[in-house]
Amino acid sequence: MANLVPLSLTPDFAPREDKALPERLLDGNPVFRTWELDTALAEAAKWGKIRTGIWEATPGTTRSIKGETFEFCYLISG
């Protein structure tokens, strides 16, 4: 069984749209669009969920609060 799942970089469904929470907003009025492409349990949920997707934002500055979340980002542009 293959562990690799091919993902489309051009999803054929509408993204979820969000705005920054007021307590995290520092400058501007950014809008976030998220296409969640895949969700899997990490090592039988020992580490929680692994989410894969595409995220984009309009210009603005926000405060990020991750807690114990690990995040890997591959920047395409911007």
PDB file of N, CA and C in Angstrom:
ATOM      1  N   MET A   1       0.839  -1.179   0.000  1.00  0.00           N
ATOM      2  CA  MET A   1       0.000   0.000   0.000  1.00  0.00           C
ATOM      3  C   MET A   1       0.887   1.246   0.000  1.00  0.00           C
ATOM      4  N   ALA A   2       0.582   2.178  -0.874  1.00  0.00           N
ATOM      5  CA  ALA A   2       1.361   3.414  -0.976  1.00  0.00           C
ATOM      6  C   ALA A   2       0.972   4.385   0.134  1.00  0.00           C
ATOM      7  N   ASN A   3       1.950   5.074   0.699  1.00  0.00           N
ATOM      8  CA  ASN A   3       1.696   6.072   1.735  1.00  0.00           C
ATOM      9  C   ASN A   3       1.570   7.475   1.161  1.00  0.00           C
ATOM     10  N   LEU A   4       1.906   7.648  -0.110  1.00  0.00           N
ATOM     11  CA  LEU A   4       1.834   8.959  -0.734  1.00  0.00           C
ATOM     12  C   LEU A   4       0.468   9.159  -1.380  1.00  0.00           C
ATOM     13  N   VAL A   5      -0.108  10.328  -1.134  1.00  0.00           N
ATOM     14  CA  VAL A   5      -1.404  10.662  -1.702  1.00  0.00           C
ATOM     15  C   VAL A   5      -1.211  11.860  -2.622  1.00  0.00           C
ATOM     16  N   PRO A   6      -1.486  11.715  -3.923  1.00  0.00           N
ATOM     17  CA  PRO A   6      -1.332  12.871  -4.817  1.00  0.00           C
ATOM     18  C   PRO A   6      -2.389  13.929  -4.512  1.00  0.00           C
ATOM     19  N   LEU A   7      -1.983  15.178  -4.514  1.00  0.00           N
ATOM     20  CA  LEU A   7      -2.891  16.282  -4.221  1.00  0.00           C
ATOM     21  C   LEU A   7      -2.969  17.214  -5.420  1.00  0.00           C
ATOM     22  N   SER A   8      -4.153  17.730  -5.663  1.00  0.00           N
ATOM     23  CA  SER A   8      -4.339  18.682  -6.758  1.00  0.00           C
ATOM     24  C   SER A   8      -3.963  20.081  -6.291  1.00  0.00           C
ATOM     25  N   LEU A   9      -3.186  20.780  -7.080  1.00  0.00           N
ATOM     26  CA  LEU A   9      -2.846  22.170  -6.763  1.00  0.00           C
ATOM     27  C   LEU A   9      -3.874  23.138  -7.328  1.00  0.00           C
ATOM     28  N   THR A  10      -4.879  22.611  -8.017  1.00  0.00           N
ATOM     29  CA  THR A  10      -5.979  23.418  -8.557  1.00  0.00           C
ATOM     30  C   THR A  10      -7.302  22.756  -8.161  1.00  0.00           C
ATOM     31  N   PRO A  11      -7.703  22.883  -6.902  1.00  0.00           N
ATOM     32  CA  PRO A  11      -8.917  22.228  -6.424  1.00  0.00           C
ATOM     33  C   PRO A  11     -10.156  22.664  -7.210  1.00  0.00           C
ATOM     34  N   ASP A  12     -11.097  21.745  -7.360  1.00  0.00           N
ATOM     35  CA  ASP A  12     -12.318  22.050  -8.106  1.00  0.00           C
ATOM     36  C   ASP A  12     -13.493  22.330  -7.161  1.00  0.00           C
ATOM     37  N   PHE A  13     -13.188  22.799  -5.944  1.00  0.00           N
ATOM     38  CA  PHE A  13     -14.237  23.147  -4.984  1.00  0.00           C
ATOM     39  C   PHE A  13     -13.896  24.497  -4.361  1.00  0.00           C
ATOM     40  N   ALA A  14     -14.912  25.154  -3.826  1.00  0.00           N
ATOM     41  CA  ALA A  14     -14.738  26.481  -3.246  1.00  0.00           C
ATOM     42  C   ALA A  14     -13.981  26.400  -1.922  1.00  0.00           C
ATOM     43  N   PRO A  15     -13.148  27.398  -1.647  1.00  0.00           N
ATOM     44  CA  PRO A  15     -12.401  27.407  -0.379  1.00  0.00           C
ATOM     45  C   PRO A  15     -13.278  27.889   0.770  1.00  0.00           C
ATOM     46  N   ARG A  16     -12.820  27.616   1.988  1.00  0.00           N
ATOM     47  CA  ARG A  16     -13.424  28.215   3.184  1.00  0.00           C
ATOM     48  C   ARG A  16     -12.793  29.600   3.324  1.00  0.00           C
ATOM     49  N   GLU A  17     -13.591  30.618   3.584  1.00  0.00           N
ATOM     50  CA  GLU A  17     -13.069  31.975   3.740  1.00  0.00           C
ATOM     51  C   GLU A  17     -13.237  32.432   5.181  1.00  0.00           C
ATOM     52  N   ASP A  18     -12.182  33.052   5.706  1.00  0.00           N
ATOM     53  CA  ASP A  18     -12.181  33.544   7.085  1.00  0.00           C
ATOM     54  C   ASP A  18     -11.513  34.916   7.128  1.00  0.00           C
ATOM     55  N   LYS A  19     -11.736  35.618   8.219  1.00  0.00           N
ATOM     56  CA  LYS A  19     -11.025  36.869   8.504  1.00  0.00           C
ATOM     57  C   LYS A  19     -10.268  36.695   9.814  1.00  0.00           C
ATOM     58  N   ALA A  20      -9.307  37.545  10.050  1.00  0.00           N
ATOM     59  CA  ALA A  20      -8.516  37.481  11.280  1.00  0.00           C
ATOM     60  C   ALA A  20      -9.397  37.786  12.488  1.00  0.00           C
ATOM     61  N   LEU A  21      -9.160  37.051  13.572  1.00  0.00           N
ATOM     62  CA  LEU A  21      -9.857  37.351  14.823  1.00  0.00           C
ATOM     63  C   LEU A  21      -9.406  38.726  15.312  1.00  0.00           C
ATOM     64  N   PRO A  22     -10.312  39.536  15.855  1.00  0.00           N
ATOM     65  CA  PRO A  22      -9.943  40.904  16.279  1.00  0.00           C
ATOM     66  C   PRO A  22      -8.743  40.945  17.225  1.00  0.00           C
ATOM     67  N   GLU A  23      -8.633  39.964  18.134  1.00  0.00           N
ATOM     68  CA  GLU A  23      -7.519  39.977  19.091  1.00  0.00           C
ATOM     69  C   GLU A  23      -6.183  39.594  18.453  1.00  0.00           C
ATOM     70  N   ARG A  24      -6.197  39.099  17.222  1.00  0.00           N
ATOM     71  CA  ARG A  24      -4.956  38.741  16.527  1.00  0.00           C
ATOM     72  C   ARG A  24      -4.598  39.725  15.415  1.00  0.00           C
ATOM     73  N   LEU A  25      -5.507  40.609  15.085  1.00  0.00           N
ATOM     74  CA  LEU A  25      -5.295  41.556  13.984  1.00  0.00           C
ATOM     75  C   LEU A  25      -4.379  42.696  14.427  1.00  0.00           C
ATOM     76  N   LEU A  26      -3.290  42.914  13.676  1.00  0.00           N
ATOM     77  CA  LEU A  26      -2.344  43.989  13.963  1.00  0.00           C
ATOM     78  C   LEU A  26      -2.444  45.119  12.956  1.00  0.00           C
ATOM     79  N   ASP A  27      -2.679  44.780  11.664  1.00  0.00           N
ATOM     80  CA  ASP A  27      -2.723  45.809  10.631  1.00  0.00           C
ATOM     81  C   ASP A  27      -3.510  45.304   9.430  1.00  0.00           C
ATOM     82  N   GLY A  28      -4.283  46.175   8.803  1.00  0.00           N
ATOM     83  CA  GLY A  28      -5.023  45.812   7.601  1.00  0.00           C
ATOM     84  C   GLY A  28      -6.291  45.036   7.929  1.00  0.00           C
ATOM     85  N   ASN A  29      -6.811  44.346   6.919  1.00  0.00           N
ATOM     86  CA  ASN A  29      -8.029  43.550   7.073  1.00  0.00           C
ATOM     87  C   ASN A  29      -7.901  42.304   6.196  1.00  0.00           C
ATOM     88  N   PRO A  30      -6.947  41.417   6.507  1.00  0.00           N
ATOM     89  CA  PRO A  30      -6.696  40.275   5.630  1.00  0.00           C
ATOM     90  C   PRO A  30      -7.861  39.283   5.594  1.00  0.00           C
ATOM     91  N   VAL A  31      -8.031  38.681   4.428  1.00  0.00           N
ATOM     92  CA  VAL A  31      -9.007  37.613   4.225  1.00  0.00           C
ATOM     93  C   VAL A  31      -8.214  36.348   3.909  1.00  0.00           C
ATOM     94  N   PHE A  32      -8.575  35.241   4.552  1.00  0.00           N
ATOM     95  CA  PHE A  32      -7.886  33.968   4.358  1.00  0.00           C
ATOM     96  C   PHE A  32      -8.780  33.009   3.578  1.00  0.00           C
ATOM     97  N   ARG A  33      -8.196  32.311   2.639  1.00  0.00           N
ATOM     98  CA  ARG A  33      -8.926  31.275   1.892  1.00  0.00           C
ATOM     99  C   ARG A  33      -8.176  29.961   2.064  1.00  0.00           C
ATOM    100  N   THR A  34      -8.913  28.912   2.425  1.00  0.00           N
ATOM    101  CA  THR A  34      -8.316  27.609   2.709  1.00  0.00           C
ATOM    102  C   THR A  34      -9.024  26.519   1.923  1.00  0.00           C
ATOM    103  N   TRP A  35      -8.245  25.735   1.186  1.00  0.00           N
ATOM    104  CA  TRP A  35      -8.738  24.541   0.509  1.00  0.00           C
ATOM    105  C   TRP A  35      -8.152  23.354   1.265  1.00  0.00           C
ATOM    106  N   GLU A  36      -8.931  22.671   2.108  1.00  0.00           N
ATOM    107  CA  GLU A  36      -8.427  21.502   2.823  1.00  0.00           C
ATOM    108  C   GLU A  36      -8.475  20.317   1.865  1.00  0.00           C
ATOM    109  N   LEU A  37      -7.307  19.762   1.547  1.00  0.00           N
ATOM    110  CA  LEU A  37      -7.205  18.716   0.537  1.00  0.00           C
ATOM    111  C   LEU A  37      -7.181  17.315   1.115  1.00  0.00           C
ATOM    112  N   ASP A  38      -6.616  17.154   2.298  1.00  0.00           N
ATOM    113  CA  ASP A  38      -6.490  15.817   2.865  1.00  0.00           C
ATOM    114  C   ASP A  38      -6.324  15.931   4.374  1.00  0.00           C
ATOM    115  N   THR A  39      -6.935  15.012   5.102  1.00  0.00           N
ATOM    116  CA  THR A  39      -6.762  14.927   6.549  1.00  0.00           C
ATOM    117  C   THR A  39      -6.504  13.469   6.904  1.00  0.00           C
ATOM    118  N   ALA A  40      -5.494  13.238   7.714  1.00  0.00           N
ATOM    119  CA  ALA A  40      -5.164  11.871   8.132  1.00  0.00           C
ATOM    120  C   ALA A  40      -4.783  11.884   9.598  1.00  0.00           C
ATOM    121  N   LEU A  41      -4.943  10.750  10.243  1.00  0.00           N
ATOM    122  CA  LEU A  41      -4.503  10.632  11.629  1.00  0.00           C
ATOM    123  C   LEU A  41      -3.010  10.346  11.651  1.00  0.00           C
ATOM    124  N   ALA A  42      -2.301  11.041  12.501  1.00  0.00           N
ATOM    125  CA  ALA A  42      -0.852  10.861  12.607  1.00  0.00           C
ATOM    126  C   ALA A  42      -0.561   9.752  13.594  1.00  0.00           C
ATOM    127  N   GLU A  43       0.023   8.688  13.106  1.00  0.00           N
ATOM    128  CA  GLU A  43       0.420   7.536  13.935  1.00  0.00           C
ATOM    129  C   GLU A  43      -0.706   7.152  14.890  1.00  0.00           C
ATOM    130  N   ALA A  44      -1.843   6.789  14.289  1.00  0.00           N
ATOM    131  CA  ALA A  44      -3.039   6.357  15.036  1.00  0.00           C
ATOM    132  C   ALA A  44      -3.469   7.391  16.080  1.00  0.00           C
ATOM    133  N   ALA A  45      -3.439   8.647  15.698  1.00  0.00           N
ATOM    134  CA  ALA A  45      -3.897   9.784  16.510  1.00  0.00           C
ATOM    135  C   ALA A  45      -2.990  10.096  17.701  1.00  0.00           C
ATOM    136  N   LYS A  46      -1.848   9.464  17.776  1.00  0.00           N
ATOM    137  CA  LYS A  46      -0.895   9.770  18.857  1.00  0.00           C
ATOM    138  C   LYS A  46      -0.496  11.254  18.796  1.00  0.00           C
ATOM    139  N   TRP A  47      -0.358  11.771  17.584  1.00  0.00           N
ATOM    140  CA  TRP A  47       0.010  13.180  17.406  1.00  0.00           C
ATOM    141  C   TRP A  47      -1.158  14.011  16.902  1.00  0.00           C
ATOM    142  N   GLY A  48      -2.342  13.458  16.856  1.00  0.00           N
ATOM    143  CA  GLY A  48      -3.495  14.209  16.367  1.00  0.00           C
ATOM    144  C   GLY A  48      -3.663  14.071  14.869  1.00  0.00           C
ATOM    145  N   LYS A  49      -4.141  15.139  14.234  1.00  0.00           N
ATOM    146  CA  LYS A  49      -4.413  15.111  12.798  1.00  0.00           C
ATOM    147  C   LYS A  49      -3.298  15.773  12.004  1.00  0.00           C
ATOM    148  N   ILE A  50      -3.102  15.281  10.803  1.00  0.00           N
ATOM    149  CA  ILE A  50      -2.230  15.936   9.834  1.00  0.00           C
ATOM    150  C   ILE A  50      -3.150  16.486   8.760  1.00  0.00           C
ATOM    151  N   ARG A  51      -3.025  17.747   8.490  1.00  0.00           N
ATOM    152  CA  ARG A  51      -3.868  18.380   7.474  1.00  0.00           C
ATOM    153  C   ARG A  51      -2.990  18.887   6.351  1.00  0.00           C
ATOM    154  N   THR A  52      -3.466  18.684   5.149  1.00  0.00           N
ATOM    155  CA  THR A  52      -2.754  19.144   3.965  1.00  0.00           C
ATOM    156  C   THR A  52      -3.705  20.012   3.162  1.00  0.00           C
ATOM    157  N   GLY A  53      -3.203  21.130   2.667  1.00  0.00           N
ATOM    158  CA  GLY A  53      -4.082  21.987   1.884  1.00  0.00           C
ATOM    159  C   GLY A  53      -3.362  23.182   1.313  1.00  0.00           C
ATOM    160  N   ILE A  54      -4.147  24.061   0.750  1.00  0.00           N
ATOM    161  CA  ILE A  54      -3.638  25.306   0.167  1.00  0.00           C
ATOM    162  C   ILE A  54      -4.259  26.450   0.959  1.00  0.00           C
ATOM    163  N   TRP A  55      -3.434  27.416   1.327  1.00  0.00           N
ATOM    164  CA  TRP A  55      -3.898  28.560   2.106  1.00  0.00           C
ATOM    165  C   TRP A  55      -3.374  29.818   1.441  1.00  0.00           C
ATOM    166  N   GLU A  56      -4.227  30.819   1.320  1.00  0.00           N
ATOM    167  CA  GLU A  56      -3.777  32.108   0.798  1.00  0.00           C
ATOM    168  C   GLU A  56      -4.416  33.223   1.611  1.00  0.00           C
ATOM    169  N   ALA A  57      -3.754  34.368   1.596  1.00  0.00           N
ATOM    170  CA  ALA A  57      -4.242  35.509   2.366  1.00  0.00           C
ATOM    171  C   ALA A  57      -4.008  36.797   1.595  1.00  0.00           C
ATOM    172  N   THR A  58      -4.903  37.755   1.781  1.00  0.00           N
ATOM    173  CA  THR A  58      -4.701  39.088   1.240  1.00  0.00           C
ATOM    174  C   THR A  58      -3.766  39.828   2.204  1.00  0.00           C
ATOM    175  N   PRO A  59      -3.200  40.968   1.801  1.00  0.00           N
ATOM    176  CA  PRO A  59      -2.240  41.673   2.657  1.00  0.00           C
ATOM    177  C   PRO A  59      -2.818  42.066   4.020  1.00  0.00           C
ATOM    178  N   GLY A  60      -1.971  41.993   5.022  1.00  0.00           N
ATOM    179  CA  GLY A  60      -2.326  42.361   6.387  1.00  0.00           C
ATOM    180  C   GLY A  60      -1.334  41.725   7.347  1.00  0.00           C
ATOM    181  N   THR A  61      -1.411  42.099   8.611  1.00  0.00           N
ATOM    182  CA  THR A  61      -0.511  41.552   9.628  1.00  0.00           C
ATOM    183  C   THR A  61      -1.345  41.017  10.782  1.00  0.00           C
ATOM    184  N   THR A  62      -1.072  39.764  11.143  1.00  0.00           N
ATOM    185  CA  THR A  62      -1.775  39.141  12.263  1.00  0.00           C
ATOM    186  C   THR A  62      -0.774  38.484  13.204  1.00  0.00           C
ATOM    187  N   ARG A  63      -1.211  38.218  14.416  1.00  0.00           N
ATOM    188  CA  ARG A  63      -0.401  37.495  15.405  1.00  0.00           C
ATOM    189  C   ARG A  63      -0.790  36.031  15.319  1.00  0.00           C
ATOM    190  N   SER A  64       0.190  35.163  15.148  1.00  0.00           N
ATOM    191  CA  SER A  64      -0.045  33.725  15.062  1.00  0.00           C
ATOM    192  C   SER A  64       0.187  33.092  16.427  1.00  0.00           C
ATOM    193  N   ILE A  65      -0.759  32.276  16.863  1.00  0.00           N
ATOM    194  CA  ILE A  65      -0.637  31.564  18.134  1.00  0.00           C
ATOM    195  C   ILE A  65      -0.774  30.081  17.821  1.00  0.00           C
ATOM    196  N   LYS A  66       0.320  29.353  17.886  1.00  0.00           N
ATOM    197  CA  LYS A  66       0.338  27.947  17.496  1.00  0.00           C
ATOM    198  C   LYS A  66       0.247  26.979  18.658  1.00  0.00           C
ATOM    199  N   GLY A  67       0.661  27.385  19.852  1.00  0.00           N
ATOM    200  CA  GLY A  67       0.667  26.442  20.974  1.00  0.00           C
ATOM    201  C   GLY A  67       1.635  25.304  20.679  1.00  0.00           C
ATOM    202  N   GLU A  68       1.150  24.069  20.715  1.00  0.00           N
ATOM    203  CA  GLU A  68       1.993  22.913  20.454  1.00  0.00           C
ATOM    204  C   GLU A  68       1.867  22.410  19.022  1.00  0.00           C
ATOM    205  N   THR A  69       1.291  23.196  18.152  1.00  0.00           N
ATOM    206  CA  THR A  69       1.111  22.799  16.759  1.00  0.00           C
ATOM    207  C   THR A  69       2.413  22.972  15.983  1.00  0.00           C
ATOM    208  N   PHE A  70       2.761  21.979  15.180  1.00  0.00           N
ATOM    209  CA  PHE A  70       3.909  22.071  14.272  1.00  0.00           C
ATOM    210  C   PHE A  70       3.352  22.392  12.897  1.00  0.00           C
ATOM    211  N   GLU A  71       3.969  23.360  12.225  1.00  0.00           N
ATOM    212  CA  GLU A  71       3.471  23.748  10.909  1.00  0.00           C
ATOM    213  C   GLU A  71       4.629  23.810   9.925  1.00  0.00           C
ATOM    214  N   PHE A  72       4.419  23.263   8.759  1.00  0.00           N
ATOM    215  CA  PHE A  72       5.379  23.327   7.668  1.00  0.00           C
ATOM    216  C   PHE A  72       4.700  24.088   6.532  1.00  0.00           C
ATOM    217  N   CYS A  73       5.366  25.097   6.005  1.00  0.00           N
ATOM    218  CA  CYS A  73       4.809  25.884   4.902  1.00  0.00           C
ATOM    219  C   CYS A  73       5.770  25.879   3.730  1.00  0.00           C
ATOM    220  N   TYR A  74       5.227  25.751   2.555  1.00  0.00           N
ATOM    221  CA  TYR A  74       5.987  25.852   1.318  1.00  0.00           C
ATOM    222  C   TYR A  74       5.408  27.052   0.595  1.00  0.00           C
ATOM    223  N   LEU A  75       6.153  28.153   0.546  1.00  0.00           N
ATOM    224  CA  LEU A  75       5.644  29.387  -0.055  1.00  0.00           C
ATOM    225  C   LEU A  75       5.795  29.333  -1.567  1.00  0.00           C
ATOM    226  N   ILE A  76       4.687  29.560  -2.242  1.00  0.00           N
ATOM    227  CA  ILE A  76       4.682  29.554  -3.699  1.00  0.00           C
ATOM    228  C   ILE A  76       4.928  30.955  -4.234  1.00  0.00           C
ATOM    229  N   SER A  77       4.343  31.961  -3.586  1.00  0.00           N
ATOM    230  CA  SER A  77       4.570  33.344  -3.989  1.00  0.00           C
ATOM    231  C   SER A  77       4.213  34.251  -2.839  1.00  0.00           C
ATOM    232  N   GLY A  78       4.686  35.518  -2.944  1.00  0.00           N
ATOM    233  CA  GLY A  78       4.285  36.514  -1.963  1.00  0.00           C
ATOM    234  C   GLY A  78       5.316  36.927  -0.992  1.00  0.00           C
TER     235      GLY A  78
END
